[in-house]
């Protein structure tokens, strides 16, 4: 069986276990998803959702955020960590969306990564979930599982993104990230996976490893 066929078989098994896997960030439009994803760096989705409930009530769109003071934004987002850098990036990003894109979040990867605070992971989250444009999101969970599954040997997120994009069908990219994240949180944890209780161990190259967990 080819590597791509094995990968798809494993992914399909995971999708049956986590059929409800989805983006855990709460948002109403592409702008809110962009902001929430920027805030999610080094922060849990649960905490981000608490913070954005207040943030979007006070500063719902790029116009309001661009006009806000650094101090005001910092106070609201403080609990997400790295709040000074995030506040700076959010204000600049809002300004750029207004001046470069007439207030609309672009549905283009190159245009997205040109915005302050936006990397490929954030851009792919927005493309896949807000615009239904396939995007291969590589966060810490996806990176960890891809390495454990033998889908990549790289530590570089951009290289992993390219490898997974070649390995998996394009129409599965967005959902595959949600599925892998769900399994990473539930079972295939860092630093040690719970292999003895893993429901897809028969498909995994780690079969027979870490039996004590």
Protein backbone atom coordinates (compact mmCIF):
# COMPACT_ATOMS: atom_id res chain seq x y z
CA UNK A 1 0.00 0.00 0.00
CA UNK A 2 1.32 3.44 -0.95
CA UNK A 3 2.14 6.00 1.74
CA UNK A 4 -0.74 8.22 0.57
CA UNK A 5 -3.17 5.29 0.76
CA UNK A 6 -2.02 4.40 4.27
CA UNK A 7 -2.32 8.02 5.34
CA UNK A 8 -5.84 8.29 3.97
CA UNK A 9 -6.84 5.02 5.66
CA UNK A 10 -5.59 6.34 9.01
CA UNK A 11 -7.29 9.70 8.46
CA UNK A 12 -10.60 8.05 7.60
CA UNK A 13 -10.42 5.97 10.78
CA UNK A 14 -9.86 9.15 12.79
CA UNK A 15 -12.72 10.93 11.05
CA UNK A 16 -15.07 8.14 12.12
CA UNK A 17 -13.95 8.60 15.73
CA UNK A 18 -14.13 12.42 15.67
CA UNK A 19 -17.00 13.17 13.26
CA UNK A 20 -17.79 16.44 15.00
CA UNK A 21 -14.24 17.84 14.89
CA UNK A 22 -14.40 21.51 13.95
CA UNK A 23 -12.81 24.90 14.53
CA UNK A 24 -13.20 25.59 18.25
CA UNK A 25 -12.82 29.35 17.89
CA UNK A 26 -16.07 31.32 17.98
CA UNK A 27 -16.59 33.85 15.18
CA UNK A 28 -19.31 35.40 13.03
CA UNK A 29 -17.30 36.53 10.03
CA UNK A 30 -13.81 36.26 8.48
CA UNK A 31 -12.54 39.28 10.42
CA UNK A 32 -13.49 37.79 13.76
CA UNK A 33 -11.88 34.47 12.85
CA UNK A 34 -8.70 36.26 11.80
CA UNK A 35 -8.54 38.13 15.10
CA UNK A 36 -9.32 35.04 17.16
CA UNK A 37 -6.65 33.01 15.37
CA UNK A 38 -4.01 35.68 15.94
CA UNK A 39 -4.93 35.68 19.63
CA UNK A 40 -4.77 31.87 19.80
CA UNK A 41 -0.97 31.81 19.52
CA UNK A 42 0.36 30.30 22.76
CA UNK A 43 -3.16 30.38 24.18
CA UNK A 44 -6.07 27.95 24.48
CA UNK A 45 -9.13 28.30 22.27
CA UNK A 46 -11.28 28.37 25.41
CA UNK A 47 -9.46 31.42 26.75
CA UNK A 48 -9.56 33.14 23.36
CA UNK A 49 -13.32 32.67 23.15
CA UNK A 50 -13.74 34.30 26.57
CA UNK A 51 -11.59 37.24 25.52
CA UNK A 52 -13.13 37.75 22.08
CA UNK A 53 -16.63 37.86 23.58
CA UNK A 54 -15.59 41.15 25.19
CA UNK A 55 -13.33 42.30 22.37
CA UNK A 56 -15.95 41.90 19.64
CA UNK A 57 -18.62 43.59 21.76
CA UNK A 58 -16.46 46.69 22.19
CA UNK A 59 -14.52 46.60 18.92
CA UNK A 60 -16.53 44.48 16.47
CA UNK A 61 -14.78 45.29 13.21
CA UNK A 62 -11.50 46.52 11.72
CA UNK A 63 -12.73 50.12 11.78
CA UNK A 64 -13.21 50.09 15.55
CA UNK A 65 -10.01 48.16 16.25
CA UNK A 66 -7.90 50.42 14.05
CA UNK A 67 -9.20 53.43 15.98
CA UNK A 68 -8.59 51.87 19.40
CA UNK A 69 -5.63 52.72 21.57
CA UNK A 70 -2.85 50.24 22.28
CA UNK A 71 -3.69 50.39 25.98
CA UNK A 72 -7.38 49.65 25.44
CA UNK A 73 -6.65 46.57 23.34
CA UNK A 74 -3.97 45.35 25.75
CA UNK A 75 -6.36 45.49 28.69
CA UNK A 76 -8.95 43.40 26.87
CA UNK A 77 -6.59 40.72 25.54
CA UNK A 78 -4.09 40.59 28.43
CA UNK A 79 -5.03 37.07 29.54
CA UNK A 80 -4.15 35.57 26.12
CA UNK A 81 -0.44 36.11 26.75
CA UNK A 82 2.08 38.16 24.74
CA UNK A 83 -0.63 40.82 24.85
CA UNK A 84 1.58 43.77 23.90
CA UNK A 85 2.77 42.21 20.65
CA UNK A 86 -0.69 40.87 19.89
CA UNK A 87 -2.31 44.26 20.49
CA UNK A 88 0.22 45.94 18.20
CA UNK A 89 -0.34 43.35 15.48
CA UNK A 90 -4.12 43.50 15.76
CA UNK A 91 -4.23 47.29 15.42
CA UNK A 92 -1.82 47.23 12.47
CA UNK A 93 -3.70 44.35 10.88
CA UNK A 94 -6.97 46.27 11.18
CA UNK A 95 -5.37 49.31 9.55
CA UNK A 96 -3.99 47.18 6.72
CA UNK A 97 -7.32 45.46 6.08
CA UNK A 98 -8.95 48.90 5.81
CA UNK A 99 -6.33 50.51 3.60
CA UNK A 100 -5.37 47.56 1.41
CA UNK A 101 -8.60 45.59 1.21
CA UNK A 102 -11.44 48.06 1.78
CA UNK A 103 -12.23 46.55 5.16
CA UNK A 104 -12.65 42.98 3.87
CA UNK A 105 -10.38 40.13 4.92
CA UNK A 106 -8.72 38.88 1.71
CA UNK A 107 -9.45 35.34 0.58
CA UNK A 108 -5.89 34.87 -0.65
CA UNK A 109 -2.97 33.29 1.17
CA UNK A 110 -0.29 35.72 -0.03
CA UNK A 111 -2.44 38.73 0.87
CA UNK A 112 -3.22 37.26 4.29
CA UNK A 113 0.38 36.52 5.26
CA UNK A 114 1.29 40.08 4.29
CA UNK A 115 -0.87 41.31 7.19
CA UNK A 116 0.69 42.00 10.58
CA UNK A 117 0.60 39.02 12.93
CA UNK A 118 -0.52 36.59 10.23
CA UNK A 119 1.53 33.52 9.36
CA UNK A 120 0.68 30.59 7.13
CA UNK A 121 -1.12 28.72 9.90
CA UNK A 122 -3.43 31.66 10.62
CA UNK A 123 -3.97 32.29 6.91
CA UNK A 124 -4.93 28.67 6.29
CA UNK A 125 -7.33 28.68 9.25
CA UNK A 126 -9.12 31.69 7.74
CA UNK A 127 -9.12 30.33 4.19
CA UNK A 128 -10.41 26.90 5.16
CA UNK A 129 -13.01 27.88 7.73
CA UNK A 130 -14.22 31.32 6.66
CA UNK A 131 -13.97 30.93 2.89
CA UNK A 132 -14.04 27.15 2.36
CA UNK A 133 -10.80 27.39 0.40
CA UNK A 134 -8.67 24.32 1.19
CA UNK A 135 -5.85 25.15 3.58
CA UNK A 136 -3.50 22.75 5.38
CA UNK A 137 -3.17 24.07 8.92
CA UNK A 138 -0.04 22.98 10.78
CA UNK A 139 -0.24 23.73 14.50
CA UNK A 140 1.60 21.95 17.32
CA UNK A 141 -0.88 19.03 17.33
CA UNK A 142 -0.77 18.51 13.56
CA UNK A 143 3.02 18.73 13.57
CA UNK A 144 3.33 16.18 16.39
CA UNK A 145 0.89 13.68 14.91
CA UNK A 146 2.27 13.99 11.38
CA UNK A 147 5.71 13.07 12.69
CA UNK A 148 4.40 10.18 14.80
CA UNK A 149 2.38 8.84 11.88
CA UNK A 150 5.44 8.93 9.66
CA UNK A 151 3.89 11.49 7.35
CA UNK A 152 6.90 13.77 7.74
CA UNK A 153 10.30 13.83 9.38
CA UNK A 154 10.56 17.60 9.35
CA UNK A 155 10.29 20.06 12.24
CA UNK A 156 9.60 22.97 9.91
CA UNK A 157 5.88 23.88 9.79
CA UNK A 158 6.03 25.22 6.23
CA UNK A 159 7.76 22.08 4.96
CA UNK A 160 5.26 19.90 6.85
CA UNK A 161 2.41 21.88 5.27
CA UNK A 162 3.81 21.17 1.81
CA UNK A 163 4.34 17.48 2.55
CA UNK A 164 0.85 16.99 3.96
CA UNK A 165 -0.66 18.93 1.07
CA UNK A 166 0.95 16.43 -1.32
CA UNK A 167 0.06 13.42 0.83
CA UNK A 168 -3.62 14.16 1.47
CA UNK A 169 -6.38 15.06 -1.03
CA UNK A 170 -6.98 18.81 -1.31
CA UNK A 171 -10.64 18.49 -0.37
CA UNK A 172 -9.60 16.95 2.97
CA UNK A 173 -7.01 19.53 4.04
CA UNK A 174 -9.21 21.74 6.21
CA UNK A 175 -11.09 18.95 7.96
CA UNK A 176 -7.97 16.82 8.42
CA UNK A 177 -6.45 19.50 10.63
CA UNK A 178 -9.56 19.57 12.83
CA UNK A 179 -9.49 15.79 13.07
CA UNK A 180 -5.79 15.59 13.92
CA UNK A 181 -6.14 18.33 16.52
CA UNK A 182 -9.04 16.47 18.13
CA UNK A 183 -6.99 13.27 18.37
CA UNK A 184 -3.94 15.16 19.59
CA UNK A 185 -5.93 16.68 22.43
CA UNK A 186 -7.76 13.47 23.34
CA UNK A 187 -5.14 10.77 22.99
CA UNK A 188 -1.96 11.44 21.03
CA UNK A 189 -0.70 13.90 23.58
CA UNK A 190 2.64 15.57 24.19
CA UNK A 191 5.09 14.56 25.43
CA UNK A 192 3.82 10.96 25.64
CA UNK A 193 0.92 9.52 23.63
CA UNK A 194 -1.61 7.15 25.19
CA UNK A 195 -0.88 4.36 22.73
CA UNK A 196 -2.39 1.58 24.85
CA UNK A 197 -5.82 3.23 24.68
CA UNK A 198 -5.52 4.64 21.15
CA UNK A 199 -8.51 3.64 18.97
CA UNK A 200 -6.49 3.77 15.73
CA UNK A 201 -3.26 2.12 16.94
CA UNK A 202 -3.61 -0.64 14.32
CA UNK A 203 -3.06 1.98 11.60
CA UNK A 204 -0.21 3.76 13.37
CA UNK A 205 3.52 3.14 12.86
CA UNK A 206 3.89 3.46 16.65
CA UNK A 207 1.97 0.22 17.18
CA UNK A 208 3.64 -1.67 20.00
CA UNK A 209 5.35 1.46 21.37
CA UNK A 210 4.56 3.19 24.69
CA UNK A 211 2.46 0.31 25.97
CA UNK A 212 2.76 1.60 29.53
CA UNK A 213 0.56 4.63 28.77
